[in-house]
Amino acid sequence: MRIGGNPFLTYLLRRLMTYVLTIFGSFSVAFFFFRMIPGNPIGALVNTMRQQYSYNIPDADKLIEEYERLLGLDGTWFEQYVRYMSNVFLRFDLGPSLIAFPTHAQVLILQALPWTIGLLGLSIIIAWVLGVFLGGIVGWKRDFPGSEAITTVAIALAQVPQYFVALFLIFVFAYGLMWLPARGAYPATTRPGLTLDFIFGLLRHGLLPALSIVLVSVSGWLISTRSLMITILGEDYLLFAQAKGLRPGYIFSRYGLRNALLPQLTGLAISLGFIINGSFLVEFIFTYPGIGTLFVNAIGILDYNTVQGIVLISIVAVLTANLLLDLLLPLVDPRIRLGG
């Protein structure tokens, strides 16, 4: 069915409908999934308070009921579901958090989000640029003696978890050589602001977590770009460019690497969509005040509202990145049919 005979409008409406339905379905699955996790977060909180302060809380049952009401955990699952979805979609309210009660979960998430976007966003872009450039060179010069060694190292490094690289970097550069700090996002002695001390401290604290992400990510981009470049070699347009006497560097950049960029740009957009849920353990290892550290701390005390909020924002980010790709790719590459 084509609306008004306009294939792009039909394509747009179909993608938007899929986007909305997927978000609604994902939110519903996430809600019931967390409700199926064994344990009572409020009861666990009360028991923790009993152990820490070595006394019995009077009327603990009434206290638990009141906390459950405030946190939206009272009533049947269906009642909780309707109440939660209406709060999220109509009021954009995720509910109070247990970590910093009575602060609402969206406040904590918005405070942590810039740190994660800054760290992971820059790391992903740097890894993409390095990986695509190096992968293009390795694929273009695949007979060069160093190309095989670089590819072998990249294949091995791509299988190493980011958190393992993070631990290795901490042991070597933080505890061994003591060149860089191992915890936090900036020095405790400085106040956040546009000052040289704060910016320098921010860069020093962010270098190790960023490096642990870049070292693994750049290997994946290198391998995929090399594979794309090898499939391009031998194409007729490359042979024609060589016959015209064009410089090898010009042929590499304008004919070879350029044709390998489109799928890599798609991968970059998807990777940016996964920023929020990208490297939770890396942030937690470095005690970086981002979404990852907040998520791990929230999981530890079964803070449903905060955990659900992070998962929901991650879902929206990934689906939005895919939606933008669906809308932009037909404009970038006319070979993609709008009506299909």
C-alpha atoms as a PDB file:
ATOM      1  CA  MET A   1       0.000   0.000   0.000  1.00  0.00           C
ATOM      2  CA  ARG A   2       1.346   3.412  -1.015  1.00  0.00           C
ATOM      3  CA  ILE A   3      -0.008   6.516   0.708  1.00  0.00           C
ATOM      4  CA  GLY A   4      -0.662   9.255  -1.828  1.00  0.00           C
ATOM      5  CA  GLY A   5       1.570   7.490  -4.311  1.00  0.00           C
ATOM      6  CA  ASN A   6       4.635   8.641  -2.369  1.00  0.00           C
ATOM      7  CA  PRO A   7       6.965   5.695  -1.692  1.00  0.00           C
ATOM      8  CA  PHE A   8       9.101   7.658   0.795  1.00  0.00           C
ATOM      9  CA  LEU A   9       6.047   8.569   2.905  1.00  0.00           C
ATOM     10  CA  THR A  10       4.977   4.919   2.936  1.00  0.00           C
ATOM     11  CA  TYR A  11       8.501   3.886   3.908  1.00  0.00           C
ATOM     12  CA  LEU A  12       8.619   6.534   6.667  1.00  0.00           C
ATOM     13  CA  LEU A  13       5.263   5.577   8.195  1.00  0.00           C
ATOM     14  CA  ARG A  14       6.117   1.883   8.126  1.00  0.00           C
ATOM     15  CA  ARG A  15       9.425   2.464   9.900  1.00  0.00           C
ATOM     16  CA  LEU A  16       7.853   4.792  12.481  1.00  0.00           C
ATOM     17  CA  MET A  17       5.100   2.287  13.242  1.00  0.00           C
ATOM     18  CA  THR A  18       7.660  -0.485  13.659  1.00  0.00           C
ATOM     19  CA  TYR A  19       9.719   1.813  15.891  1.00  0.00           C
ATOM     20  CA  VAL A  20       6.813   2.649  18.220  1.00  0.00           C
ATOM     21  CA  LEU A  21       5.551  -0.940  18.462  1.00  0.00           C
ATOM     22  CA  THR A  22       9.057  -2.264  19.137  1.00  0.00           C
ATOM     23  CA  ILE A  23       9.619   0.263  21.920  1.00  0.00           C
ATOM     24  CA  PHE A  24       6.276  -0.593  23.531  1.00  0.00           C
ATOM     25  CA  GLY A  25       6.951  -4.322  23.307  1.00  0.00           C
ATOM     26  CA  SER A  26      10.491  -3.977  24.624  1.00  0.00           C
ATOM     27  CA  PHE A  27       9.310  -1.886  27.558  1.00  0.00           C
ATOM     28  CA  SER A  28       6.705  -4.514  28.409  1.00  0.00           C
ATOM     29  CA  VAL A  29       9.199  -7.386  28.232  1.00  0.00           C
ATOM     30  CA  ALA A  30      11.708  -5.471  30.369  1.00  0.00           C
ATOM     31  CA  PHE A  31       9.063  -4.669  32.991  1.00  0.00           C
ATOM     32  CA  PHE A  32       7.928  -8.263  33.502  1.00  0.00           C
ATOM     33  CA  PHE A  33      11.481  -9.610  33.270  1.00  0.00           C
ATOM     34  CA  PHE A  34      12.621  -7.578  36.263  1.00  0.00           C
ATOM     35  CA  ARG A  35       9.497  -8.507  38.206  1.00  0.00           C
ATOM     36  CA  MET A  36      10.446 -12.182  37.740  1.00  0.00           C
ATOM     37  CA  ILE A  37      13.800 -11.723  39.481  1.00  0.00           C
ATOM     38  CA  PRO A  38      13.634 -13.449  42.895  1.00  0.00           C
ATOM     39  CA  GLY A  39      13.889 -11.257  45.967  1.00  0.00           C
ATOM     40  CA  ASN A  40      12.146  -8.356  47.640  1.00  0.00           C
ATOM     41  CA  PRO A  41      14.179  -5.154  47.261  1.00  0.00           C
ATOM     42  CA  ILE A  42      12.420  -3.377  50.107  1.00  0.00           C
ATOM     43  CA  GLY A  43      12.769  -6.369  52.421  1.00  0.00           C
ATOM     44  CA  ALA A  44      16.441  -6.639  51.461  1.00  0.00           C
ATOM     45  CA  LEU A  45      16.909  -2.954  52.278  1.00  0.00           C
ATOM     46  CA  VAL A  46      15.313  -3.374  55.712  1.00  0.00           C
ATOM     47  CA  ASN A  47      17.429  -6.462  56.441  1.00  0.00           C
ATOM     48  CA  THR A  48      20.557  -4.557  55.425  1.00  0.00           C
ATOM     49  CA  MET A  49      19.615  -1.732  57.797  1.00  0.00           C
ATOM     50  CA  ARG A  50      19.093  -4.273  60.581  1.00  0.00           C
ATOM     51  CA  GLN A  51      22.538  -5.784  59.997  1.00  0.00           C
ATOM     52  CA  GLN A  52      24.304  -2.449  59.712  1.00  0.00           C
ATOM     53  CA  TYR A  53      22.764  -0.765  62.721  1.00  0.00           C
ATOM     54  CA  SER A  54      22.220  -3.901  64.831  1.00  0.00           C
ATOM     55  CA  TYR A  55      18.681  -3.155  65.879  1.00  0.00           C
ATOM     56  CA  ASN A  56      15.210  -4.252  64.898  1.00  0.00           C
ATOM     57  CA  ILE A  57      13.163  -1.667  63.049  1.00  0.00           C
ATOM     58  CA  PRO A  58       9.758  -1.227  64.727  1.00  0.00           C
ATOM     59  CA  ASP A  59       6.756  -1.934  62.502  1.00  0.00           C
ATOM     60  CA  ALA A  60       9.022  -3.188  59.707  1.00  0.00           C
ATOM     61  CA  ASP A  61       6.021  -4.633  57.812  1.00  0.00           C
ATOM     62  CA  LYS A  62       4.299  -1.251  57.681  1.00  0.00           C
ATOM     63  CA  LEU A  63       7.561   0.360  56.599  1.00  0.00           C
ATOM     64  CA  ILE A  64       7.920  -2.167  53.778  1.00  0.00           C
ATOM     65  CA  GLU A  65       4.340  -1.554  52.622  1.00  0.00           C
ATOM     66  CA  GLU A  66       4.876   2.202  52.554  1.00  0.00           C
ATOM     67  CA  TYR A  67       8.110   1.877  50.584  1.00  0.00           C
ATOM     68  CA  GLU A  68       6.420  -0.497  48.136  1.00  0.00           C
ATOM     69  CA  ARG A  69       3.657   2.067  47.598  1.00  0.00           C
ATOM     70  CA  LEU A  70       6.125   4.895  47.029  1.00  0.00           C
ATOM     71  CA  LEU A  71       8.239   2.804  44.646  1.00  0.00           C
ATOM     72  CA  GLY A  72       5.256   1.459  42.717  1.00  0.00           C
ATOM     73  CA  LEU A  73       5.736  -2.140  43.856  1.00  0.00           C
ATOM     74  CA  ASP A  74       2.309  -2.579  45.460  1.00  0.00           C
ATOM     75  CA  GLY A  75      -0.629  -4.341  43.856  1.00  0.00           C
ATOM     76  CA  THR A  76      -0.676  -7.057  41.197  1.00  0.00           C
ATOM     77  CA  TRP A  77       1.799  -7.163  38.343  1.00  0.00           C
ATOM     78  CA  PHE A  78      -0.871  -5.905  35.947  1.00  0.00           C
ATOM     79  CA  GLU A  79      -1.664  -2.941  38.201  1.00  0.00           C
ATOM     80  CA  GLN A  80       2.046  -2.158  38.518  1.00  0.00           C
ATOM     81  CA  TYR A  81       2.444  -2.469  34.749  1.00  0.00           C
ATOM     82  CA  VAL A  82      -0.398  -0.064  33.896  1.00  0.00           C
ATOM     83  CA  ARG A  83       0.781   2.427  36.509  1.00  0.00           C
ATOM     84  CA  TYR A  84       4.410   2.231  35.415  1.00  0.00           C
ATOM     85  CA  MET A  85       3.727   2.545  31.681  1.00  0.00           C
ATOM     86  CA  SER A  86       1.422   5.520  32.219  1.00  0.00           C
ATOM     87  CA  ASN A  87       4.052   7.246  34.360  1.00  0.00           C
ATOM     88  CA  VAL A  88       6.789   6.599  31.789  1.00  0.00           C
ATOM     89  CA  PHE A  89       4.890   7.549  28.615  1.00  0.00           C
ATOM     90  CA  LEU A  90       2.626  10.295  29.980  1.00  0.00           C
ATOM     91  CA  ARG A  91       4.722  11.872  32.736  1.00  0.00           C
ATOM     92  CA  PHE A  92       8.245  10.745  31.756  1.00  0.00           C
ATOM     93  CA  ASP A  93       8.699   9.644  35.363  1.00  0.00           C
ATOM     94  CA  LEU A  94      10.639   6.470  36.198  1.00  0.00           C
ATOM     95  CA  GLY A  95       9.752   6.585  39.890  1.00  0.00           C
ATOM     96  CA  PRO A  96      11.913   7.015  43.021  1.00  0.00           C
ATOM     97  CA  SER A  97      15.248   5.228  43.245  1.00  0.00           C
ATOM     98  CA  LEU A  98      16.485   3.113  46.124  1.00  0.00           C
ATOM     99  CA  ILE A  99      20.074   4.267  45.693  1.00  0.00           C
ATOM    100  CA  ALA A 100      19.302   7.888  46.521  1.00  0.00           C
ATOM    101  CA  PHE A 101      15.737   7.798  47.831  1.00  0.00           C
ATOM    102  CA  PRO A 102      13.585   9.880  47.345  1.00  0.00           C
ATOM    103  CA  THR A 103      15.467  11.157  44.262  1.00  0.00           C
ATOM    104  CA  HIS A 104      13.762   9.868  41.131  1.00  0.00           C
ATOM    105  CA  ALA A 105      15.592   7.443  38.871  1.00  0.00           C
ATOM    106  CA  GLN A 106      15.583   9.720  35.816  1.00  0.00           C
ATOM    107  CA  VAL A 107      17.499  12.361  37.797  1.00  0.00           C
ATOM    108  CA  LEU A 108      20.298   9.894  38.596  1.00  0.00           C
ATOM    109  CA  ILE A 109      20.362   8.636  35.017  1.00  0.00           C
ATOM    110  CA  LEU A 110      20.556  12.150  33.555  1.00  0.00           C
ATOM    111  CA  GLN A 111      23.421  12.952  35.919  1.00  0.00           C
ATOM    112  CA  ALA A 112      25.375   9.862  34.851  1.00  0.00           C
ATOM    113  CA  LEU A 113      24.519   9.991  31.136  1.00  0.00           C
ATOM    114  CA  PRO A 114      26.954  12.783  30.080  1.00  0.00           C
ATOM    115  CA  TRP A 115      29.905  10.893  31.594  1.00  0.00           C
ATOM    116  CA  THR A 116      29.060   7.744  29.638  1.00  0.00           C
ATOM    117  CA  ILE A 117      28.392   9.606  26.385  1.00  0.00           C
ATOM    118  CA  GLY A 118      31.639  11.546  26.737  1.00  0.00           C
ATOM    119  CA  LEU A 119      33.776   8.498  27.518  1.00  0.00           C
ATOM    120  CA  LEU A 120      32.223   5.923  25.203  1.00  0.00           C
ATOM    121  CA  GLY A 121      31.306   8.341  22.417  1.00  0.00           C
ATOM    122  CA  LEU A 122      34.854   9.611  21.985  1.00  0.00           C
ATOM    123  CA  SER A 123      36.297   6.113  22.425  1.00  0.00           C
ATOM    124  CA  ILE A 124      34.031   4.621  19.755  1.00  0.00           C
ATOM    125  CA  ILE A 125      34.733   7.401  17.257  1.00  0.00           C
ATOM    126  CA  ILE A 126      38.512   7.204  17.815  1.00  0.00           C
ATOM    127  CA  ALA A 127      38.427   3.402  17.499  1.00  0.00           C
ATOM    128  CA  TRP A 128      36.332   3.641  14.325  1.00  0.00           C
ATOM    129  CA  VAL A 129      38.642   6.152  12.626  1.00  0.00           C
ATOM    130  CA  LEU A 130      41.791   4.193  13.515  1.00  0.00           C
ATOM    131  CA  GLY A 131      40.240   0.807  12.706  1.00  0.00           C
ATOM    132  CA  VAL A 132      38.851   1.868   9.318  1.00  0.00           C
ATOM    133  CA  PHE A 133      42.090   3.580   8.253  1.00  0.00           C
ATOM    134  CA  LEU A 134      44.395   0.782   9.433  1.00  0.00           C
ATOM    135  CA  GLY A 135      42.062  -1.905   8.117  1.00  0.00           C
ATOM    136  CA  GLY A 136      41.942  -0.214   4.742  1.00  0.00           C
ATOM    137  CA  ILE A 137      45.737  -0.081   4.561  1.00  0.00           C
ATOM    138  CA  VAL A 138      46.156  -3.693   5.710  1.00  0.00           C
ATOM    139  CA  GLY A 139      43.583  -4.876   3.157  1.00  0.00           C
ATOM    140  CA  TRP A 140      45.046  -2.750   0.368  1.00  0.00           C
ATOM    141  CA  LYS A 141      48.603  -3.913   1.113  1.00  0.00           C
ATOM    142  CA  ARG A 142      47.688  -7.465   2.129  1.00  0.00           C
ATOM    143  CA  ASP A 143      50.940  -8.831   0.638  1.00  0.00           C
ATOM    144  CA  PHE A 144      53.045  -6.518   2.791  1.00  0.00           C
ATOM    145  CA  PRO A 145      54.940  -8.533   5.499  1.00  0.00           C
ATOM    146  CA  GLY A 146      53.570  -6.434   8.357  1.00  0.00           C
ATOM    147  CA  SER A 147      49.933  -6.752   7.236  1.00  0.00           C
ATOM    148  CA  GLU A 148      49.615 -10.384   8.295  1.00  0.00           C
ATOM    149  CA  ALA A 149      51.172  -9.688  11.693  1.00  0.00           C
ATOM    150  CA  ILE A 150      48.844  -6.722  12.307  1.00  0.00           C
ATOM    151  CA  THR A 151      45.818  -8.806  11.297  1.00  0.00           C
ATOM    152  CA  THR A 152      46.845 -11.659  13.602  1.00  0.00           C
ATOM    153  CA  VAL A 153      47.263  -9.306  16.565  1.00  0.00           C
ATOM    154  CA  ALA A 154      43.910  -7.666  15.806  1.00  0.00           C
ATOM    155  CA  ILE A 155      42.112 -11.045  15.636  1.00  0.00           C
ATOM    156  CA  ALA A 156      43.592 -12.065  18.989  1.00  0.00           C
ATOM    157  CA  LEU A 157      42.887  -8.723  20.666  1.00  0.00           C
ATOM    158  CA  ALA A 158      39.304  -8.592  19.389  1.00  0.00           C
ATOM    159  CA  GLN A 159      38.506 -11.722  21.445  1.00  0.00           C
ATOM    160  CA  VAL A 160      39.736 -10.222  24.712  1.00  0.00           C
ATOM    161  CA  PRO A 161      36.980  -8.741  26.941  1.00  0.00           C
ATOM    162  CA  GLN A 162      37.235  -5.015  27.558  1.00  0.00           C
ATOM    163  CA  TYR A 163      37.169  -5.476  31.320  1.00  0.00           C
ATOM    164  CA  PHE A 164      40.223  -7.775  31.122  1.00  0.00           C
ATOM    165  CA  VAL A 165      42.136  -5.103  29.190  1.00  0.00           C
ATOM    166  CA  ALA A 166      40.971  -2.562  31.778  1.00  0.00           C
ATOM    167  CA  LEU A 167      42.341  -4.675  34.655  1.00  0.00           C
ATOM    168  CA  PHE A 168      45.640  -5.178  32.821  1.00  0.00           C
ATOM    169  CA  LEU A 169      46.024  -1.434  32.215  1.00  0.00           C
ATOM    170  CA  ILE A 170      45.279  -0.692  35.869  1.00  0.00           C
ATOM    171  CA  PHE A 171      47.898  -3.149  37.110  1.00  0.00           C
ATOM    172  CA  VAL A 172      50.554  -1.821  34.721  1.00  0.00           C
ATOM    173  CA  PHE A 173      49.984   1.944  34.525  1.00  0.00           C
ATOM    174  CA  ALA A 174      48.154   2.685  37.794  1.00  0.00           C
ATOM    175  CA  TYR A 175      49.592   0.251  40.357  1.00  0.00           C
ATOM    176  CA  GLY A 176      52.870  -0.714  38.660  1.00  0.00           C
ATOM    177  CA  LEU A 177      54.239   2.440  37.060  1.00  0.00           C
ATOM    178  CA  MET A 178      51.851   4.770  38.943  1.00  0.00           C
ATOM    179  CA  TRP A 179      51.580   7.053  35.935  1.00  0.00           C
ATOM    180  CA  LEU A 180      47.785   7.323  35.797  1.00  0.00           C
ATOM    181  CA  PRO A 181      44.934   7.195  38.330  1.00  0.00           C
ATOM    182  CA  ALA A 182      42.871   4.032  38.674  1.00  0.00           C
ATOM    183  CA  ARG A 183      39.600   5.431  40.022  1.00  0.00           C
ATOM    184  CA  GLY A 184      37.175   8.272  39.457  1.00  0.00           C
ATOM    185  CA  ALA A 185      36.569  10.722  36.630  1.00  0.00           C
ATOM    186  CA  TYR A 186      38.535  13.689  37.953  1.00  0.00           C
ATOM    187  CA  PRO A 187      40.753  14.527  40.953  1.00  0.00           C
ATOM    188  CA  ALA A 188      38.931  14.831  44.248  1.00  0.00           C
ATOM    189  CA  THR A 189      40.848  18.033  44.977  1.00  0.00           C
ATOM    190  CA  THR A 190      39.403  19.898  41.972  1.00  0.00           C
ATOM    191  CA  ARG A 191      35.918  21.217  41.349  1.00  0.00           C
ATOM    192  CA  PRO A 192      34.199  20.561  38.001  1.00  0.00           C
ATOM    193  CA  GLY A 193      34.484  23.573  35.715  1.00  0.00           C
ATOM    194  CA  LEU A 194      36.203  24.998  32.658  1.00  0.00           C
ATOM    195  CA  THR A 195      39.611  25.225  34.277  1.00  0.00           C
ATOM    196  CA  LEU A 196      42.921  23.794  33.123  1.00  0.00           C
ATOM    197  CA  ASP A 197      43.320  21.749  36.317  1.00  0.00           C
ATOM    198  CA  PHE A 198      39.927  20.114  35.922  1.00  0.00           C
ATOM    199  CA  ILE A 199      40.335  19.451  32.174  1.00  0.00           C
ATOM    200  CA  PHE A 200      43.817  17.991  32.660  1.00  0.00           C
ATOM    201  CA  GLY A 201      42.581  15.805  35.530  1.00  0.00           C
ATOM    202  CA  LEU A 202      39.580  14.711  33.448  1.00  0.00           C
ATOM    203  CA  LEU A 203      41.849  13.602  30.611  1.00  0.00           C
ATOM    204  CA  ARG A 204      44.236  11.739  32.959  1.00  0.00           C
ATOM    205  CA  HIS A 205      41.375   9.876  34.674  1.00  0.00           C
ATOM    206  CA  GLY A 206      39.659   9.049  31.386  1.00  0.00           C
ATOM    207  CA  LEU A 207      42.733   7.825  29.525  1.00  0.00           C
ATOM    208  CA  LEU A 208      42.849   4.270  30.903  1.00  0.00           C
ATOM    209  CA  PRO A 209      39.122   3.453  30.564  1.00  0.00           C
ATOM    210  CA  ALA A 210      39.082   4.977  27.073  1.00  0.00           C
ATOM    211  CA  LEU A 211      42.204   3.038  26.087  1.00  0.00           C
ATOM    212  CA  SER A 212      40.701  -0.252  27.277  1.00  0.00           C
ATOM    213  CA  ILE A 213      37.701   0.360  25.011  1.00  0.00           C
ATOM    214  CA  VAL A 214      39.698   1.607  22.028  1.00  0.00           C
ATOM    215  CA  LEU A 215      42.201  -1.273  22.008  1.00  0.00           C
ATOM    216  CA  VAL A 216      39.456  -3.879  21.678  1.00  0.00           C
ATOM    217  CA  SER A 217      37.110  -1.900  19.423  1.00  0.00           C
ATOM    218  CA  VAL A 218      39.769  -0.825  16.939  1.00  0.00           C
ATOM    219  CA  SER A 219      40.621  -4.484  16.335  1.00  0.00           C
ATOM    220  CA  GLY A 220      37.069  -5.285  15.300  1.00  0.00           C
ATOM    221  CA  TRP A 221      36.868  -2.323  12.932  1.00  0.00           C
ATOM    222  CA  LEU A 222      40.276  -3.223  11.461  1.00  0.00           C
ATOM    223  CA  ILE A 223      39.247  -6.810  10.716  1.00  0.00           C
ATOM    224  CA  SER A 224      35.907  -5.873   9.132  1.00  0.00           C
ATOM    225  CA  THR A 225      37.397  -3.061   7.017  1.00  0.00           C
ATOM    226  CA  ARG A 226      40.182  -5.354   5.823  1.00  0.00           C
ATOM    227  CA  SER A 227      37.596  -7.919   4.709  1.00  0.00           C
ATOM    228  CA  LEU A 228      35.620  -5.262   2.835  1.00  0.00           C
ATOM    229  CA  MET A 229      38.743  -3.885   1.186  1.00  0.00           C
ATOM    230  CA  ILE A 230      39.818  -7.317  -0.025  1.00  0.00           C
ATOM    231  CA  THR A 231      36.433  -7.853  -1.716  1.00  0.00           C
ATOM    232  CA  ILE A 232      36.836  -4.510  -3.517  1.00  0.00           C
ATOM    233  CA  LEU A 233      40.292  -5.322  -4.921  1.00  0.00           C
ATOM    234  CA  GLY A 234      40.137  -6.507  -8.503  1.00  0.00           C
ATOM    235  CA  GLU A 235      36.955  -4.595  -9.342  1.00  0.00           C
ATOM    236  CA  ASP A 236      36.795  -3.156 -12.836  1.00  0.00           C
ATOM    237  CA  TYR A 237      36.686   0.463 -11.692  1.00  0.00           C
ATOM    238  CA  LEU A 238      39.985  -0.014  -9.810  1.00  0.00           C
ATOM    239  CA  LEU A 239      41.643  -1.481 -12.886  1.00  0.00           C
ATOM    240  CA  PHE A 240      40.280   1.391 -14.963  1.00  0.00           C
ATOM    241  CA  ALA A 241      41.633   3.941 -12.457  1.00  0.00           C
ATOM    242  CA  GLN A 242      45.043   2.295 -12.595  1.00  0.00           C
ATOM    243  CA  ALA A 243      44.957   2.301 -16.393  1.00  0.00           C
ATOM    244  CA  LYS A 244      44.270   6.042 -16.322  1.00  0.00           C
ATOM    245  CA  GLY A 245      47.563   6.470 -14.463  1.00  0.00           C
ATOM    246  CA  LEU A 246      46.074   7.835 -11.219  1.00  0.00           C
ATOM    247  CA  ARG A 247      48.312   7.887  -8.173  1.00  0.00           C
ATOM    248  CA  PRO A 248      48.033   4.784  -5.922  1.00  0.00           C
ATOM    249  CA  GLY A 249      47.209   6.911  -2.870  1.00  0.00           C
ATOM    250  CA  TYR A 250      44.385   8.634  -4.759  1.00  0.00           C
ATOM    251  CA  ILE A 251      42.991   5.299  -5.940  1.00  0.00           C
ATOM    252  CA  PHE A 252      43.159   3.941  -2.396  1.00  0.00           C
ATOM    253  CA  SER A 253      41.317   6.864  -0.798  1.00  0.00           C
ATOM    254  CA  ARG A 254      38.784   7.731  -3.524  1.00  0.00           C
ATOM    255  CA  TYR A 255      38.041   4.321  -5.024  1.00  0.00           C
ATOM    256  CA  GLY A 256      38.993   1.706  -2.444  1.00  0.00           C
ATOM    257  CA  LEU A 257      38.417   3.066   1.043  1.00  0.00           C
ATOM    258  CA  ARG A 258      35.448   5.191  -0.010  1.00  0.00           C
ATOM    259  CA  ASN A 259      33.492   2.151  -1.198  1.00  0.00           C
ATOM    260  CA  ALA A 260      34.204   0.351   2.083  1.00  0.00           C
ATOM    261  CA  LEU A 261      32.921   3.260   4.182  1.00  0.00           C
ATOM    262  CA  LEU A 262      29.159   2.840   3.700  1.00  0.00           C
ATOM    263  CA  PRO A 263      28.762  -0.431   5.656  1.00  0.00           C
ATOM    264  CA  GLN A 264      31.253   0.869   8.234  1.00  0.00           C
ATOM    265  CA  LEU A 265      29.227   4.051   8.674  1.00  0.00           C
ATOM    266  CA  THR A 266      26.206   1.848   9.320  1.00  0.00           C
ATOM    267  CA  GLY A 267      28.180  -0.064  11.935  1.00  0.00           C
ATOM    268  CA  LEU A 268      29.342   3.205  13.530  1.00  0.00           C
ATOM    269  CA  ALA A 269      25.775   4.471  13.853  1.00  0.00           C
ATOM    270  CA  ILE A 270      24.687   1.213  15.481  1.00  0.00           C
ATOM    271  CA  SER A 271      27.691   1.314  17.837  1.00  0.00           C
ATOM    272  CA  LEU A 272      26.803   4.869  18.872  1.00  0.00           C
ATOM    273  CA  GLY A 273      23.281   3.638  19.581  1.00  0.00           C
ATOM    274  CA  PHE A 274      24.799   1.070  21.956  1.00  0.00           C
ATOM    275  CA  ILE A 275      26.793   3.733  23.846  1.00  0.00           C
ATOM    276  CA  ILE A 276      24.567   3.640  26.931  1.00  0.00           C
ATOM    277  CA  ASN A 277      24.841  -0.105  27.451  1.00  0.00           C
ATOM    278  CA  GLY A 278      28.309  -0.492  25.989  1.00  0.00           C
ATOM    279  CA  SER A 279      30.944  -0.912  28.723  1.00  0.00           C
ATOM    280  CA  PHE A 280      29.273  -1.241  32.118  1.00  0.00           C
ATOM    281  CA  LEU A 281      32.053  -3.305  33.676  1.00  0.00           C
ATOM    282  CA  VAL A 282      34.779  -0.952  32.438  1.00  0.00           C
ATOM    283  CA  GLU A 283      33.069   2.001  34.111  1.00  0.00           C
ATOM    284  CA  PHE A 284      32.514   0.011  37.280  1.00  0.00           C
ATOM    285  CA  ILE A 285      36.159  -1.137  37.434  1.00  0.00           C
ATOM    286  CA  PHE A 286      37.378   2.464  37.193  1.00  0.00           C
ATOM    287  CA  THR A 287      34.556   3.766  39.445  1.00  0.00           C
ATOM    288  CA  TYR A 288      33.665   6.102  36.610  1.00  0.00           C
ATOM    289  CA  PRO A 289      30.442   8.012  37.445  1.00  0.00           C
ATOM    290  CA  GLY A 290      28.590   6.864  34.334  1.00  0.00           C
ATOM    291  CA  ILE A 291      25.613   4.690  33.512  1.00  0.00           C
ATOM    292  CA  GLY A 292      27.627   1.491  33.984  1.00  0.00           C
ATOM    293  CA  THR A 293      28.551   2.184  37.597  1.00  0.00           C
ATOM    294  CA  LEU A 294      24.996   3.315  38.338  1.00  0.00           C
ATOM    295  CA  PHE A 295      23.592   0.144  36.771  1.00  0.00           C
ATOM    296  CA  VAL A 296      25.853  -2.220  38.719  1.00  0.00           C
ATOM    297  CA  ASN A 297      25.098  -0.419  41.998  1.00  0.00           C
ATOM    298  CA  ALA A 298      21.369  -0.505  41.262  1.00  0.00           C
ATOM    299  CA  ILE A 299      21.476  -4.228  40.475  1.00  0.00           C
ATOM    300  CA  GLY A 300      23.238  -4.848  43.781  1.00  0.00           C
ATOM    301  CA  ILE A 301      20.274  -3.580  45.804  1.00  0.00           C
ATOM    302  CA  LEU A 302      17.524  -4.576  43.322  1.00  0.00           C
ATOM    303  CA  ASP A 303      16.648  -0.969  42.522  1.00  0.00           C
ATOM    304  CA  TYR A 304      13.978  -1.814  39.955  1.00  0.00           C
ATOM    305  CA  ASN A 305      13.174   1.743  38.891  1.00  0.00           C
ATOM    306  CA  THR A 306      16.781   2.726  38.213  1.00  0.00           C
ATOM    307  CA  VAL A 307      17.675  -0.542  36.465  1.00  0.00           C
ATOM    308  CA  GLN A 308      14.525  -0.464  34.348  1.00  0.00           C
ATOM    309  CA  GLY A 309      15.152   3.169  33.478  1.00  0.00           C
ATOM    310  CA  ILE A 310      18.681   2.418  32.246  1.00  0.00           C
ATOM    311  CA  VAL A 311      17.464  -0.564  30.228  1.00  0.00           C
ATOM    312  CA  LEU A 312      14.614   1.457  28.710  1.00  0.00           C
ATOM    313  CA  ILE A 313      16.895   4.337  27.729  1.00  0.00           C
ATOM    314  CA  SER A 314      19.306   1.811  26.191  1.00  0.00           C
ATOM    315  CA  ILE A 315      16.461   0.304  24.176  1.00  0.00           C
ATOM    316  CA  VAL A 316      15.334   3.721  22.939  1.00  0.00           C
ATOM    317  CA  ALA A 317      18.908   4.674  21.978  1.00  0.00           C
ATOM    318  CA  VAL A 318      19.468   1.489  19.961  1.00  0.00           C
ATOM    319  CA  LEU A 319      16.077   1.600  18.230  1.00  0.00           C
ATOM    320  CA  THR A 320      16.446   5.312  17.466  1.00  0.00           C
ATOM    321  CA  ALA A 321      19.867   4.709  15.895  1.00  0.00           C
ATOM    322  CA  ASN A 322      18.374   1.962  13.720  1.00  0.00           C
ATOM    323  CA  LEU A 323      15.432   4.200  12.767  1.00  0.00           C
ATOM    324  CA  LEU A 324      17.754   7.008  11.695  1.00  0.00           C
ATOM    325  CA  LEU A 325      19.745   4.510   9.638  1.00  0.00           C
ATOM    326  CA  ASP A 326      16.575   3.265   7.951  1.00  0.00           C
ATOM    327  CA  LEU A 327      15.635   6.842   7.075  1.00  0.00           C
ATOM    328  CA  LEU A 328      19.077   8.061   5.965  1.00  0.00           C
ATOM    329  CA  LEU A 329      20.378   5.077   3.998  1.00  0.00           C
ATOM    330  CA  PRO A 330      17.891   5.499   1.104  1.00  0.00           C
ATOM    331  CA  LEU A 331      19.097   9.096   0.768  1.00  0.00           C
ATOM    332  CA  VAL A 332      22.779   8.125   0.904  1.00  0.00           C
ATOM    333  CA  ASP A 333      22.511   5.031  -1.276  1.00  0.00           C
ATOM    334  CA  PRO A 334      19.754   5.193  -3.949  1.00  0.00           C
ATOM    335  CA  ARG A 335      20.207   1.462  -4.579  1.00  0.00           C
ATOM    336  CA  ILE A 336      18.131   0.847  -1.437  1.00  0.00           C
ATOM    337  CA  ARG A 337      14.482   0.631  -2.496  1.00  0.00           C
ATOM    338  CA  LEU A 338      12.071   2.711  -0.452  1.00  0.00           C
ATOM    339  CA  GLY A 339       9.005   0.681  -1.221  1.00  0.00           C
ATOM    340  CA  GLY A 340      10.517  -2.724  -0.429  1.00  0.00           C
END
